[in-house]
Amino acid sequence: MSWRVIALGDQVWHVDAVAERRANTAAWQLVLSFRAAAPAPASEPLPGRRRSFWTPYPLEATSKSSLFIQAERIPDTALSQLLAERLA
């Protein structure tokens, strides 16, 4: 099950959030996975394939639970804007 489901234009996207901690750092960073609910239309470069990508989100915390609590406060509009920028 997706963490969030957002719509952008006529496309529906499933969003998942994960915590990533890089070597030699104390902070966990939020990383988001965006997956299109439907295959790409014929007008896209790769029609019929499901589009997906991972992108970091500018949110860090010293614990995973704290990070996910902060992530719950991210408005859907911010996720839609991030998605639109990535697809542009």
Protein backbone atom coordinates (compact mmCIF):
# COMPACT_ATOMS: atom_id res chain seq x y z
CA MET A 1 0.00 0.00 0.00
CA SER A 2 1.26 3.45 -0.88
CA TRP A 3 2.07 6.07 1.70
CA ARG A 4 0.24 8.68 -0.42
CA VAL A 5 -1.64 8.80 -3.70
CA ILE A 6 -1.57 12.06 -5.64
CA ALA A 7 -2.98 13.17 -8.97
CA LEU A 8 -1.14 15.35 -11.45
CA GLY A 9 -3.17 16.23 -14.51
CA ASP A 10 -4.87 13.03 -15.64
CA GLN A 11 -2.21 10.76 -14.07
CA VAL A 12 -2.37 9.12 -10.65
CA TRP A 13 0.90 8.54 -8.80
CA HIS A 14 1.70 6.34 -5.81
CA VAL A 15 4.22 7.83 -3.41
CA ASP A 16 6.26 5.86 -0.86
CA ALA A 17 8.65 7.27 1.73
CA VAL A 18 11.83 5.60 2.96
CA ALA A 19 14.61 6.65 5.30
CA GLU A 20 18.19 6.53 4.09
CA ARG A 21 21.33 7.07 6.12
CA ARG A 22 24.59 7.47 4.29
CA ALA A 23 27.88 6.16 5.63
CA ASN A 24 29.55 8.26 8.31
CA THR A 25 26.48 10.42 8.96
CA ALA A 26 24.16 10.53 11.95
CA ALA A 27 21.12 11.91 10.14
CA TRP A 28 18.46 9.99 8.27
CA GLN A 29 17.25 11.58 5.04
CA LEU A 30 13.81 11.17 3.50
CA VAL A 31 13.74 9.64 0.02
CA LEU A 32 10.52 9.44 -1.98
CA SER A 33 9.50 6.90 -4.59
CA PHE A 34 7.02 8.03 -7.23
CA ARG A 35 5.29 5.37 -9.37
CA ALA A 36 2.67 6.05 -12.02
CA ALA A 37 -0.50 4.02 -11.47
CA ALA A 38 -0.99 3.48 -15.20
CA PRO A 39 1.45 2.78 -18.03
CA ALA A 40 2.81 5.74 -19.99
CA PRO A 41 0.49 6.86 -22.81
CA ALA A 42 1.38 6.42 -26.48
CA SER A 43 2.52 10.05 -26.64
CA GLU A 44 5.38 9.34 -24.19
CA PRO A 45 8.89 8.26 -25.32
CA LEU A 46 8.43 4.76 -23.82
CA PRO A 47 4.71 3.99 -24.22
CA GLY A 48 3.30 1.14 -22.19
CA ARG A 49 6.01 1.24 -19.49
CA ARG A 50 5.25 2.26 -15.95
CA ARG A 51 7.10 5.40 -15.01
CA SER A 52 8.85 5.54 -11.66
CA PHE A 53 11.72 7.35 -9.98
CA TRP A 54 13.34 7.97 -6.60
CA THR A 55 14.19 11.44 -5.35
CA PRO A 56 15.56 12.82 -2.07
CA TYR A 57 13.36 15.21 -0.12
CA PRO A 58 15.01 17.99 1.93
CA LEU A 59 14.12 16.54 5.32
CA GLU A 60 16.52 15.03 7.87
CA ALA A 61 16.29 13.71 11.42
CA THR A 62 18.45 11.80 13.88
CA SER A 63 15.92 8.94 14.11
CA LYS A 64 13.76 7.22 11.53
CA SER A 65 10.62 7.62 13.60
CA SER A 66 11.19 11.36 13.90
CA LEU A 67 11.79 11.57 10.16
CA PHE A 68 8.52 9.80 9.35
CA ILE A 69 6.60 11.99 11.82
CA GLN A 70 7.94 15.04 9.96
CA ALA A 71 7.12 13.43 6.61
CA GLU A 72 3.47 13.08 7.60
CA ARG A 73 3.31 16.89 7.69
CA ILE A 74 4.33 17.27 4.04
CA PRO A 75 1.29 18.60 2.17
CA ASP A 76 0.12 16.86 -0.99
CA THR A 77 0.66 20.13 -2.85
CA ALA A 78 4.39 19.97 -2.08
CA LEU A 79 4.54 16.41 -3.43
CA SER A 80 2.64 17.45 -6.56
CA GLN A 81 5.04 20.35 -7.11
CA LEU A 82 8.07 18.07 -6.71
CA LEU A 83 6.55 15.61 -9.18
CA ALA A 84 5.76 18.35 -11.71
CA GLU A 85 9.32 19.71 -11.49
CA ARG A 86 10.76 16.23 -12.02
CA LEU A 87 8.54 15.53 -15.02
CA ALA A 88 9.22 18.91 -16.64
